[in-house]
Amino acid sequence: MIKTSQPAPGITVVEPQFDRLTAANANGFKTALTELVEAGHNLLVIDFAPVSFVDSSGVGALVGLLKRVGNRGEIALCGLNESVLQLFRITRMDRVFSLQPDTARAISALQS
């Protein structure tokens, strides 16, 4: 469901292995990411490049994850296509999450 890498100390990059984040897979996605957070991975970059669509369940999973991370860390999202980015703007989630164009900028944002 996800692929992870650690390109910088303390930062975990997560690549979803699906093209749609919907009610069908949002719980599994949230569970996989929650397990990472519980294992101490509190600086997460989620690369949405392979994801073409996110519904409200997907956004809810991300918000739940953000609450789980809390003050212990941060989450940056990157690689959002135009329709997913538009969803984040409409729902004002662009004010909640750090949205970056690519993984390099997302990593940089978490390091600053």
PDB file of N, CA and C in Angstrom:
ATOM      1  N   MET A   1       0.809  -1.203   0.000  1.00  0.00           N
ATOM      2  CA  MET A   1       0.000   0.000   0.000  1.00  0.00           C
ATOM      3  C   MET A   1       0.854   1.271   0.000  1.00  0.00           C
ATOM      4  N   ILE A   2       2.001   1.226   0.723  1.00  0.00           N
ATOM      5  CA  ILE A   2       2.921   2.364   0.714  1.00  0.00           C
ATOM      6  C   ILE A   2       4.347   1.859   0.542  1.00  0.00           C
ATOM      7  N   LYS A   3       5.193   2.738   0.028  1.00  0.00           N
ATOM      8  CA  LYS A   3       6.620   2.470  -0.078  1.00  0.00           C
ATOM      9  C   LYS A   3       7.313   3.600   0.670  1.00  0.00           C
ATOM     10  N   THR A   4       8.310   3.275   1.484  1.00  0.00           N
ATOM     11  CA  THR A   4       8.974   4.314   2.259  1.00  0.00           C
ATOM     12  C   THR A   4      10.464   4.360   1.946  1.00  0.00           C
ATOM     13  N   SER A   5      11.051   5.537   2.171  1.00  0.00           N
ATOM     14  CA  SER A   5      12.496   5.723   2.072  1.00  0.00           C
ATOM     15  C   SER A   5      12.890   6.809   3.062  1.00  0.00           C
ATOM     16  N   GLN A   6      14.162   6.872   3.376  1.00  0.00           N
ATOM     17  CA  GLN A   6      14.660   7.899   4.290  1.00  0.00           C
ATOM     18  C   GLN A   6      15.834   8.617   3.630  1.00  0.00           C
ATOM     19  N   PRO A   7      15.540   9.616   2.803  1.00  0.00           N
ATOM     20  CA  PRO A   7      16.592  10.313   2.069  1.00  0.00           C
ATOM     21  C   PRO A   7      17.393  11.297   2.915  1.00  0.00           C
ATOM     22  N   ALA A   8      16.888  11.623   4.093  1.00  0.00           N
ATOM     23  CA  ALA A   8      17.569  12.556   4.995  1.00  0.00           C
ATOM     24  C   ALA A   8      17.354  12.067   6.427  1.00  0.00           C
ATOM     25  N   PRO A   9      18.300  12.344   7.316  1.00  0.00           N
ATOM     26  CA  PRO A   9      18.159  11.885   8.708  1.00  0.00           C
ATOM     27  C   PRO A   9      16.851  12.357   9.341  1.00  0.00           C
ATOM     28  N   GLY A  10      16.102  11.402   9.883  1.00  0.00           N
ATOM     29  CA  GLY A  10      14.871  11.725  10.598  1.00  0.00           C
ATOM     30  C   GLY A  10      13.655  11.972   9.728  1.00  0.00           C
ATOM     31  N   ILE A  11      13.832  11.980   8.409  1.00  0.00           N
ATOM     32  CA  ILE A  11      12.716  12.257   7.499  1.00  0.00           C
ATOM     33  C   ILE A  11      12.368  10.997   6.710  1.00  0.00           C
ATOM     34  N   THR A  12      11.099  10.640   6.728  1.00  0.00           N
ATOM     35  CA  THR A  12      10.614   9.475   5.998  1.00  0.00           C
ATOM     36  C   THR A  12       9.731   9.948   4.848  1.00  0.00           C
ATOM     37  N   VAL A  13      10.055   9.509   3.639  1.00  0.00           N
ATOM     38  CA  VAL A  13       9.232   9.806   2.459  1.00  0.00           C
ATOM     39  C   VAL A  13       8.332   8.607   2.216  1.00  0.00           C
ATOM     40  N   VAL A  14       7.049   8.879   2.088  1.00  0.00           N
ATOM     41  CA  VAL A  14       6.046   7.846   1.852  1.00  0.00           C
ATOM     42  C   VAL A  14       5.482   8.027   0.449  1.00  0.00           C
ATOM     43  N   GLU A  15       5.497   6.945  -0.316  1.00  0.00           N
ATOM     44  CA  GLU A  15       4.896   6.963  -1.651  1.00  0.00           C
ATOM     45  C   GLU A  15       3.715   6.002  -1.657  1.00  0.00           C
ATOM     46  N   PRO A  16       2.504   6.523  -1.775  1.00  0.00           N
ATOM     47  CA  PRO A  16       1.344   5.633  -1.894  1.00  0.00           C
ATOM     48  C   PRO A  16       1.482   4.767  -3.140  1.00  0.00           C
ATOM     49  N   GLN A  17       1.061   3.528  -3.036  1.00  0.00           N
ATOM     50  CA  GLN A  17       1.150   2.598  -4.154  1.00  0.00           C
ATOM     51  C   GLN A  17      -0.237   2.363  -4.759  1.00  0.00           C
ATOM     52  N   PHE A  18      -0.972   3.450  -4.952  1.00  0.00           N
ATOM     53  CA  PHE A  18      -2.297   3.396  -5.561  1.00  0.00           C
ATOM     54  C   PHE A  18      -2.541   4.722  -6.251  1.00  0.00           C
ATOM     55  N   ASP A  19      -3.559   4.764  -7.132  1.00  0.00           N
ATOM     56  CA  ASP A  19      -3.813   6.017  -7.847  1.00  0.00           C
ATOM     57  C   ASP A  19      -5.011   6.791  -7.316  1.00  0.00           C
ATOM     58  N   ARG A  20      -5.774   6.180  -6.390  1.00  0.00           N
ATOM     59  CA  ARG A  20      -6.936   6.868  -5.829  1.00  0.00           C
ATOM     60  C   ARG A  20      -6.980   6.631  -4.319  1.00  0.00           C
ATOM     61  N   LEU A  21      -7.072   7.719  -3.549  1.00  0.00           N
ATOM     62  CA  LEU A  21      -7.219   7.614  -2.091  1.00  0.00           C
ATOM     63  C   LEU A  21      -8.687   7.893  -1.776  1.00  0.00           C
ATOM     64  N   THR A  22      -9.423   6.817  -1.532  1.00  0.00           N
ATOM     65  CA  THR A  22     -10.873   6.912  -1.345  1.00  0.00           C
ATOM     66  C   THR A  22     -11.290   6.109  -0.115  1.00  0.00           C
ATOM     67  N   ALA A  23     -12.593   6.057   0.116  1.00  0.00           N
ATOM     68  CA  ALA A  23     -13.133   5.285   1.236  1.00  0.00           C
ATOM     69  C   ALA A  23     -12.681   3.830   1.185  1.00  0.00           C
ATOM     70  N   ALA A  24     -12.427   3.322  -0.013  1.00  0.00           N
ATOM     71  CA  ALA A  24     -12.028   1.919  -0.177  1.00  0.00           C
ATOM     72  C   ALA A  24     -10.667   1.609   0.438  1.00  0.00           C
ATOM     73  N   ASN A  25      -9.758   2.583   0.466  1.00  0.00           N
ATOM     74  CA  ASN A  25      -8.418   2.307   0.970  1.00  0.00           C
ATOM     75  C   ASN A  25      -7.909   3.305   2.009  1.00  0.00           C
ATOM     76  N   ALA A  26      -8.727   4.291   2.383  1.00  0.00           N
ATOM     77  CA  ALA A  26      -8.285   5.336   3.312  1.00  0.00           C
ATOM     78  C   ALA A  26      -7.915   4.778   4.683  1.00  0.00           C
ATOM     79  N   ASN A  27      -8.699   3.828   5.200  1.00  0.00           N
ATOM     80  CA  ASN A  27      -8.389   3.276   6.520  1.00  0.00           C
ATOM     81  C   ASN A  27      -7.074   2.508   6.517  1.00  0.00           C
ATOM     82  N   GLY A  28      -6.843   1.717   5.492  1.00  0.00           N
ATOM     83  CA  GLY A  28      -5.585   0.984   5.383  1.00  0.00           C
ATOM     84  C   GLY A  28      -4.388   1.916   5.266  1.00  0.00           C
ATOM     85  N   PHE A  29      -4.561   2.986   4.500  1.00  0.00           N
ATOM     86  CA  PHE A  29      -3.509   3.994   4.326  1.00  0.00           C
ATOM     87  C   PHE A  29      -3.205   4.660   5.670  1.00  0.00           C
ATOM     88  N   LYS A  30      -4.256   5.060   6.371  1.00  0.00           N
ATOM     89  CA  LYS A  30      -4.077   5.719   7.677  1.00  0.00           C
ATOM     90  C   LYS A  30      -3.410   4.764   8.668  1.00  0.00           C
ATOM     91  N   THR A  31      -3.818   3.505   8.663  1.00  0.00           N
ATOM     92  CA  THR A  31      -3.224   2.517   9.569  1.00  0.00           C
ATOM     93  C   THR A  31      -1.731   2.343   9.287  1.00  0.00           C
ATOM     94  N   ALA A  32      -1.369   2.221   8.011  1.00  0.00           N
ATOM     95  CA  ALA A  32       0.041   2.049   7.643  1.00  0.00           C
ATOM     96  C   ALA A  32       0.871   3.249   8.083  1.00  0.00           C
ATOM     97  N   LEU A  33       0.332   4.441   7.903  1.00  0.00           N
ATOM     98  CA  LEU A  33       1.067   5.642   8.294  1.00  0.00           C
ATOM     99  C   LEU A  33       1.090   5.817   9.811  1.00  0.00           C
ATOM    100  N   THR A  34       0.020   5.454  10.481  1.00  0.00           N
ATOM    101  CA  THR A  34      -0.009   5.531  11.939  1.00  0.00           C
ATOM    102  C   THR A  34       1.048   4.609  12.537  1.00  0.00           C
ATOM    103  N   GLU A  35       1.234   3.437  11.939  1.00  0.00           N
ATOM    104  CA  GLU A  35       2.270   2.515  12.407  1.00  0.00           C
ATOM    105  C   GLU A  35       3.658   3.140  12.269  1.00  0.00           C
ATOM    106  N   LEU A  36       3.886   3.884  11.193  1.00  0.00           N
ATOM    107  CA  LEU A  36       5.157   4.597  11.035  1.00  0.00           C
ATOM    108  C   LEU A  36       5.354   5.622  12.145  1.00  0.00           C
ATOM    109  N   VAL A  37       4.298   6.398  12.412  1.00  0.00           N
ATOM    110  CA  VAL A  37       4.377   7.433  13.451  1.00  0.00           C
ATOM    111  C   VAL A  37       4.635   6.785  14.810  1.00  0.00           C
ATOM    112  N   GLU A  38       3.929   5.709  15.099  1.00  0.00           N
ATOM    113  CA  GLU A  38       4.106   5.024  16.385  1.00  0.00           C
ATOM    114  C   GLU A  38       5.511   4.438  16.523  1.00  0.00           C
ATOM    115  N   ALA A  39       6.165   4.150  15.386  1.00  0.00           N
ATOM    116  CA  ALA A  39       7.533   3.629  15.400  1.00  0.00           C
ATOM    117  C   ALA A  39       8.567   4.752  15.475  1.00  0.00           C
ATOM    118  N   GLY A  40       8.100   5.997  15.601  1.00  0.00           N
ATOM    119  CA  GLY A  40       9.014   7.121  15.779  1.00  0.00           C
ATOM    120  C   GLY A  40       9.294   7.950  14.546  1.00  0.00           C
ATOM    121  N   HIS A  41       8.630   7.655  13.444  1.00  0.00           N
ATOM    122  CA  HIS A  41       8.806   8.450  12.221  1.00  0.00           C
ATOM    123  C   HIS A  41       7.834   9.623  12.269  1.00  0.00           C
ATOM    124  N   ASN A  42       8.300  10.757  12.802  1.00  0.00           N
ATOM    125  CA  ASN A  42       7.407  11.892  13.020  1.00  0.00           C
ATOM    126  C   ASN A  42       7.570  13.022  12.006  1.00  0.00           C
ATOM    127  N   LEU A  43       8.567  12.919  11.132  1.00  0.00           N
ATOM    128  CA  LEU A  43       8.712  13.883  10.048  1.00  0.00           C
ATOM    129  C   LEU A  43       8.440  13.131   8.752  1.00  0.00           C
ATOM    130  N   LEU A  44       7.246  13.356   8.207  1.00  0.00           N
ATOM    131  CA  LEU A  44       6.803  12.597   7.033  1.00  0.00           C
ATOM    132  C   LEU A  44       6.614  13.496   5.825  1.00  0.00           C
ATOM    133  N   VAL A  45       7.118  13.042   4.699  1.00  0.00           N
ATOM    134  CA  VAL A  45       6.812  13.630   3.398  1.00  0.00           C
ATOM    135  C   VAL A  45       5.954  12.594   2.688  1.00  0.00           C
ATOM    136  N   ILE A  46       4.753  12.974   2.291  1.00  0.00           N
ATOM    137  CA  ILE A  46       3.888  12.060   1.544  1.00  0.00           C
ATOM    138  C   ILE A  46       3.857  12.555   0.102  1.00  0.00           C
ATOM    139  N   ASP A  47       4.413  11.736  -0.789  1.00  0.00           N
ATOM    140  CA  ASP A  47       4.528  12.095  -2.198  1.00  0.00           C
ATOM    141  C   ASP A  47       3.297  11.587  -2.948  1.00  0.00           C
ATOM    142  N   PHE A  48       2.435  12.519  -3.309  1.00  0.00           N
ATOM    143  CA  PHE A  48       1.170  12.172  -3.970  1.00  0.00           C
ATOM    144  C   PHE A  48       1.294  12.105  -5.493  1.00  0.00           C
ATOM    145  N   ALA A  49       2.518  12.042  -6.031  1.00  0.00           N
ATOM    146  CA  ALA A  49       2.688  11.992  -7.492  1.00  0.00           C
ATOM    147  C   ALA A  49       1.898  10.856  -8.151  1.00  0.00           C
ATOM    148  N   PRO A  50       1.846   9.649  -7.553  1.00  0.00           N
ATOM    149  CA  PRO A  50       1.084   8.588  -8.218  1.00  0.00           C
ATOM    150  C   PRO A  50      -0.428   8.669  -8.003  1.00  0.00           C
ATOM    151  N   VAL A  51      -0.881   9.597  -7.170  1.00  0.00           N
ATOM    152  CA  VAL A  51      -2.300   9.659  -6.799  1.00  0.00           C
ATOM    153  C   VAL A  51      -3.024  10.684  -7.671  1.00  0.00           C
ATOM    154  N   SER A  52      -4.046  10.217  -8.385  1.00  0.00           N
ATOM    155  CA  SER A  52      -4.779  11.113  -9.284  1.00  0.00           C
ATOM    156  C   SER A  52      -6.075  11.645  -8.682  1.00  0.00           C
ATOM    157  N   PHE A  53      -6.530  11.026  -7.570  1.00  0.00           N
ATOM    158  CA  PHE A  53      -7.816  11.416  -6.996  1.00  0.00           C
ATOM    159  C   PHE A  53      -7.813  11.168  -5.490  1.00  0.00           C
ATOM    160  N   VAL A  54      -8.362  12.117  -4.737  1.00  0.00           N
ATOM    161  CA  VAL A  54      -8.541  11.976  -3.288  1.00  0.00           C
ATOM    162  C   VAL A  54      -9.963  12.399  -2.967  1.00  0.00           C
ATOM    163  N   ASP A  55     -10.691  11.589  -2.186  1.00  0.00           N
ATOM    164  CA  ASP A  55     -12.037  11.988  -1.768  1.00  0.00           C
ATOM    165  C   ASP A  55     -12.007  12.423  -0.304  1.00  0.00           C
ATOM    166  N   SER A  56     -13.174  12.699   0.252  1.00  0.00           N
ATOM    167  CA  SER A  56     -13.248  13.206   1.625  1.00  0.00           C
ATOM    168  C   SER A  56     -12.712  12.195   2.639  1.00  0.00           C
ATOM    169  N   SER A  57     -12.860  10.913   2.368  1.00  0.00           N
ATOM    170  CA  SER A  57     -12.308   9.894   3.267  1.00  0.00           C
ATOM    171  C   SER A  57     -10.786   9.960   3.280  1.00  0.00           C
ATOM    172  N   GLY A  58     -10.206  10.217   2.136  1.00  0.00           N
ATOM    173  CA  GLY A  58      -8.756  10.369   2.045  1.00  0.00           C
ATOM    174  C   GLY A  58      -8.269  11.573   2.815  1.00  0.00           C
ATOM    175  N   VAL A  59      -8.983  12.693   2.675  1.00  0.00           N
ATOM    176  CA  VAL A  59      -8.629  13.895   3.434  1.00  0.00           C
ATOM    177  C   VAL A  59      -8.777  13.621   4.930  1.00  0.00           C
ATOM    178  N   GLY A  60      -9.851  12.927   5.302  1.00  0.00           N
ATOM    179  CA  GLY A  60     -10.065  12.575   6.704  1.00  0.00           C
ATOM    180  C   GLY A  60      -8.946  11.721   7.262  1.00  0.00           C
ATOM    181  N   ALA A  61      -8.455  10.785   6.468  1.00  0.00           N
ATOM    182  CA  ALA A  61      -7.334   9.941   6.899  1.00  0.00           C
ATOM    183  C   ALA A  61      -6.092  10.787   7.147  1.00  0.00           C
ATOM    184  N   LEU A  62      -5.844  11.760   6.280  1.00  0.00           N
ATOM    185  CA  LEU A  62      -4.687  12.640   6.447  1.00  0.00           C
ATOM    186  C   LEU A  62      -4.822  13.524   7.685  1.00  0.00           C
ATOM    187  N   VAL A  63      -6.023  14.026   7.924  1.00  0.00           N
ATOM    188  CA  VAL A  63      -6.254  14.853   9.116  1.00  0.00           C
ATOM    189  C   VAL A  63      -6.060  14.014  10.377  1.00  0.00           C
ATOM    190  N   GLY A  64      -6.575  12.792  10.368  1.00  0.00           N
ATOM    191  CA  GLY A  64      -6.384  11.892  11.509  1.00  0.00           C
ATOM    192  C   GLY A  64      -4.910  11.619  11.762  1.00  0.00           C
ATOM    193  N   LEU A  65      -4.157  11.438  10.690  1.00  0.00           N
ATOM    194  CA  LEU A  65      -2.722  11.220  10.812  1.00  0.00           C
ATOM    195  C   LEU A  65      -2.032  12.449  11.395  1.00  0.00           C
ATOM    196  N   LEU A  66      -2.432  13.617  10.924  1.00  0.00           N
ATOM    197  CA  LEU A  66      -1.855  14.866  11.427  1.00  0.00           C
ATOM    198  C   LEU A  66      -2.104  15.001  12.930  1.00  0.00           C
ATOM    199  N   LYS A  67      -3.298  14.632  13.374  1.00  0.00           N
ATOM    200  CA  LYS A  67      -3.602  14.669  14.807  1.00  0.00           C
ATOM    201  C   LYS A  67      -2.720  13.691  15.569  1.00  0.00           C
ATOM    202  N   ARG A  68      -2.468  12.524  14.977  1.00  0.00           N
ATOM    203  CA  ARG A  68      -1.630  11.510  15.627  1.00  0.00           C
ATOM    204  C   ARG A  68      -0.196  12.010  15.777  1.00  0.00           C
ATOM    205  N   VAL A  69       0.315  12.686  14.748  1.00  0.00           N
ATOM    206  CA  VAL A  69       1.671  13.235  14.807  1.00  0.00           C
ATOM    207  C   VAL A  69       1.734  14.328  15.877  1.00  0.00           C
ATOM    208  N   GLY A  70       0.697  15.153  15.927  1.00  0.00           N
ATOM    209  CA  GLY A  70       0.614  16.203  16.940  1.00  0.00           C
ATOM    210  C   GLY A  70       1.832  17.104  16.952  1.00  0.00           C
ATOM    211  N   ASN A  71       2.277  17.436  18.142  1.00  0.00           N
ATOM    212  CA  ASN A  71       3.419  18.342  18.295  1.00  0.00           C
ATOM    213  C   ASN A  71       4.764  17.619  18.168  1.00  0.00           C
ATOM    214  N   ARG A  72       4.726  16.306  17.987  1.00  0.00           N
ATOM    215  CA  ARG A  72       5.969  15.532  17.907  1.00  0.00           C
ATOM    216  C   ARG A  72       6.663  15.674  16.569  1.00  0.00           C
ATOM    217  N   GLY A  73       5.962  16.132  15.552  1.00  0.00           N
ATOM    218  CA  GLY A  73       6.565  16.195  14.230  1.00  0.00           C
ATOM    219  C   GLY A  73       5.739  16.992  13.255  1.00  0.00           C
ATOM    220  N   GLU A  74       5.972  16.743  11.977  1.00  0.00           N
ATOM    221  CA  GLU A  74       5.283  17.465  10.909  1.00  0.00           C
ATOM    222  C   GLU A  74       5.033  16.543   9.724  1.00  0.00           C
ATOM    223  N   ILE A  75       4.074  16.954   8.908  1.00  0.00           N
ATOM    224  CA  ILE A  75       3.777  16.253   7.659  1.00  0.00           C
ATOM    225  C   ILE A  75       3.805  17.279   6.531  1.00  0.00           C
ATOM    226  N   ALA A  76       4.509  16.935   5.465  1.00  0.00           N
ATOM    227  CA  ALA A  76       4.489  17.757   4.254  1.00  0.00           C
ATOM    228  C   ALA A  76       3.973  16.876   3.116  1.00  0.00           C
ATOM    229  N   LEU A  77       3.111  17.445   2.295  1.00  0.00           N
ATOM    230  CA  LEU A  77       2.573  16.737   1.131  1.00  0.00           C
ATOM    231  C   LEU A  77       3.199  17.337  -0.118  1.00  0.00           C
ATOM    232  N   CYS A  78       3.500  16.486  -1.078  1.00  0.00           N
ATOM    233  CA  CYS A  78       4.075  17.006  -2.320  1.00  0.00           C
ATOM    234  C   CYS A  78       3.559  16.214  -3.515  1.00  0.00           C
ATOM    235  N   GLY A  79       3.806  16.755  -4.694  1.00  0.00           N
ATOM    236  CA  GLY A  79       3.447  16.070  -5.926  1.00  0.00           C
ATOM    237  C   GLY A  79       1.958  15.994  -6.210  1.00  0.00           C
ATOM    238  N   LEU A  80       1.175  16.895  -5.616  1.00  0.00           N
ATOM    239  CA  LEU A  80      -0.272  16.863  -5.836  1.00  0.00           C
ATOM    240  C   LEU A  80      -0.597  17.343  -7.242  1.00  0.00           C
ATOM    241  N   ASN A  81      -1.436  16.575  -7.962  1.00  0.00           N
ATOM    242  CA  ASN A  81      -1.854  17.040  -9.279  1.00  0.00           C
ATOM    243  C   ASN A  81      -2.880  18.169  -9.110  1.00  0.00           C
ATOM    244  N   GLU A  82      -3.265  18.777 -10.195  1.00  0.00           N
ATOM    245  CA  GLU A  82      -4.116  19.974 -10.121  1.00  0.00           C
ATOM    246  C   GLU A  82      -5.467  19.701  -9.469  1.00  0.00           C
ATOM    247  N   SER A  83      -6.102  18.561  -9.763  1.00  0.00           N
ATOM    248  CA  SER A  83      -7.419  18.302  -9.173  1.00  0.00           C
ATOM    249  C   SER A  83      -7.323  18.020  -7.679  1.00  0.00           C
ATOM    250  N   VAL A  84      -6.284  17.319  -7.246  1.00  0.00           N
ATOM    251  CA  VAL A  84      -6.101  17.065  -5.815  1.00  0.00           C
ATOM    252  C   VAL A  84      -5.749  18.370  -5.105  1.00  0.00           C
ATOM    253  N   LEU A  85      -4.897  19.167  -5.722  1.00  0.00           N
ATOM    254  CA  LEU A  85      -4.539  20.470  -5.150  1.00  0.00           C
ATOM    255  C   LEU A  85      -5.781  21.353  -5.010  1.00  0.00           C
ATOM    256  N   GLN A  86      -6.649  21.323  -6.002  1.00  0.00           N
ATOM    257  CA  GLN A  86      -7.891  22.094  -5.954  1.00  0.00           C
ATOM    258  C   GLN A  86      -8.774  21.638  -4.789  1.00  0.00           C
ATOM    259  N   LEU A  87      -8.853  20.330  -4.550  1.00  0.00           N
ATOM    260  CA  LEU A  87      -9.615  19.812  -3.417  1.00  0.00           C
ATOM    261  C   LEU A  87      -9.064  20.372  -2.110  1.00  0.00           C
ATOM    262  N   PHE A  88      -7.735  20.389  -1.971  1.00  0.00           N
ATOM    263  CA  PHE A  88      -7.124  20.913  -0.754  1.00  0.00           C
ATOM    264  C   PHE A  88      -7.406  22.406  -0.596  1.00  0.00           C
ATOM    265  N   ARG A  89      -7.466  23.131  -1.692  1.00  0.00           N
ATOM    266  CA  ARG A  89      -7.785  24.567  -1.608  1.00  0.00           C
ATOM    267  C   ARG A  89      -9.243  24.784  -1.221  1.00  0.00           C
ATOM    268  N   ILE A  90     -10.155  24.048  -1.857  1.00  0.00           N
ATOM    269  CA  ILE A  90     -11.592  24.199  -1.581  1.00  0.00           C
ATOM    270  C   ILE A  90     -11.912  23.875  -0.125  1.00  0.00           C
ATOM    271  N   THR A  91     -11.273  22.834   0.391  1.00  0.00           N
ATOM    272  CA  THR A  91     -11.532  22.413   1.774  1.00  0.00           C
ATOM    273  C   THR A  91     -10.648  23.161   2.781  1.00  0.00           C
ATOM    274  N   ARG A  92      -9.839  24.063   2.269  1.00  0.00           N
ATOM    275  CA  ARG A  92      -8.897  24.860   3.071  1.00  0.00           C
ATOM    276  C   ARG A  92      -7.843  24.014   3.778  1.00  0.00           C
ATOM    277  N   MET A  93      -7.657  22.824   3.305  1.00  0.00           N
ATOM    278  CA  MET A  93      -6.600  21.968   3.861  1.00  0.00           C
ATOM    279  C   MET A  93      -5.218  22.466   3.455  1.00  0.00           C
ATOM    280  N   ASP A  94      -5.183  23.367   2.444  1.00  0.00           N
ATOM    281  CA  ASP A  94      -3.907  23.969   2.069  1.00  0.00           C
ATOM    282  C   ASP A  94      -3.373  24.880   3.172  1.00  0.00           C
ATOM    283  N   ARG A  95      -4.229  25.234   4.120  1.00  0.00           N
ATOM    284  CA  ARG A  95      -3.800  26.034   5.277  1.00  0.00           C
ATOM    285  C   ARG A  95      -3.393  25.155   6.448  1.00  0.00           C
ATOM    286  N   VAL A  96      -3.743  23.876   6.367  1.00  0.00           N
ATOM    287  CA  VAL A  96      -3.453  22.932   7.451  1.00  0.00           C
ATOM    288  C   VAL A  96      -2.170  22.162   7.163  1.00  0.00           C
ATOM    289  N   PHE A  97      -1.999  21.756   5.915  1.00  0.00           N
ATOM    290  CA  PHE A  97      -0.838  20.966   5.511  1.00  0.00           C
ATOM    291  C   PHE A  97       0.168  21.824   4.760  1.00  0.00           C
ATOM    292  N   SER A  98       1.433  21.477   4.905  1.00  0.00           N
ATOM    293  CA  SER A  98       2.482  22.083   4.089  1.00  0.00           C
ATOM    294  C   SER A  98       2.433  21.392   2.731  1.00  0.00           C
ATOM    295  N   LEU A  99       2.077  22.138   1.684  1.00  0.00           N
ATOM    296  CA  LEU A  99       1.990  21.588   0.327  1.00  0.00           C
ATOM    297  C   LEU A  99       3.193  22.080  -0.466  1.00  0.00           C
ATOM    298  N   GLN A 100       3.958  21.140  -0.997  1.00  0.00           N
ATOM    299  CA  GLN A 100       5.177  21.468  -1.723  1.00  0.00           C
ATOM    300  C   GLN A 100       5.122  20.848  -3.119  1.00  0.00           C
ATOM    301  N   PRO A 101       5.826  21.439  -4.081  1.00  0.00           N
ATOM    302  CA  PRO A 101       5.754  20.912  -5.451  1.00  0.00           C
ATOM    303  C   PRO A 101       6.448  19.561  -5.639  1.00  0.00           C
ATOM    304  N   ASP A 102       7.510  19.286  -4.873  1.00  0.00           N
ATOM    305  CA  ASP A 102       8.251  18.029  -5.060  1.00  0.00           C
ATOM    306  C   ASP A 102       8.887  17.588  -3.748  1.00  0.00           C
ATOM    307  N   THR A 103       9.454  16.393  -3.753  1.00  0.00           N
ATOM    308  CA  THR A 103      10.011  15.845  -2.509  1.00  0.00           C
ATOM    309  C   THR A 103      11.191  16.665  -1.996  1.00  0.00           C
ATOM    310  N   ALA A 104      12.027  17.170  -2.885  1.00  0.00           N
ATOM    311  CA  ALA A 104      13.185  17.951  -2.433  1.00  0.00           C
ATOM    312  C   ALA A 104      12.735  19.172  -1.636  1.00  0.00           C
ATOM    313  N   ARG A 105      11.727  19.879  -2.139  1.00  0.00           N
ATOM    314  CA  ARG A 105      11.229  21.059  -1.406  1.00  0.00           C
ATOM    315  C   ARG A 105      10.519  20.660  -0.122  1.00  0.00           C
ATOM    316  N   ALA A 106       9.810  19.539  -0.157  1.00  0.00           N
ATOM    317  CA  ALA A 106       9.113  19.065   1.052  1.00  0.00           C
ATOM    318  C   ALA A 106      10.126  18.706   2.138  1.00  0.00           C
ATOM    319  N   ILE A 107      11.205  18.022   1.757  1.00  0.00           N
ATOM    320  CA  ILE A 107      12.264  17.688   2.717  1.00  0.00           C
ATOM    321  C   ILE A 107      12.880  18.953   3.283  1.00  0.00           C
ATOM    322  N   SER A 108      13.158  19.895   2.406  1.00  0.00           N
ATOM    323  CA  SER A 108      13.737  21.167   2.823  1.00  0.00           C
ATOM    324  C   SER A 108      12.816  21.905   3.802  1.00  0.00           C
ATOM    325  N   ALA A 109      11.513  21.866   3.527  1.00  0.00           N
ATOM    326  CA  ALA A 109      10.546  22.536   4.407  1.00  0.00           C
ATOM    327  C   ALA A 109      10.539  21.899   5.803  1.00  0.00           C
ATOM    328  N   LEU A 110      10.694  20.576   5.868  1.00  0.00           N
ATOM    329  CA  LEU A 110      10.716  19.914   7.166  1.00  0.00           C
ATOM    330  C   LEU A 110      12.015  20.147   7.912  1.00  0.00           C
ATOM    331  N   GLN A 111      13.091  20.397   7.191  1.00  0.00           N
ATOM    332  CA  GLN A 111      14.381  20.621   7.821  1.00  0.00           C
ATOM    333  C   GLN A 111      14.538  22.031   8.367  1.00  0.00           C
ATOM    334  N   SER A 112      13.715  22.964   7.893  1.00  0.00           N
ATOM    335  CA  SER A 112      13.868  24.358   8.332  1.00  0.00           C
ATOM    336  C   SER A 112      13.103  24.654   9.600  1.00  0.00           C
TER     337      SER A 112
END
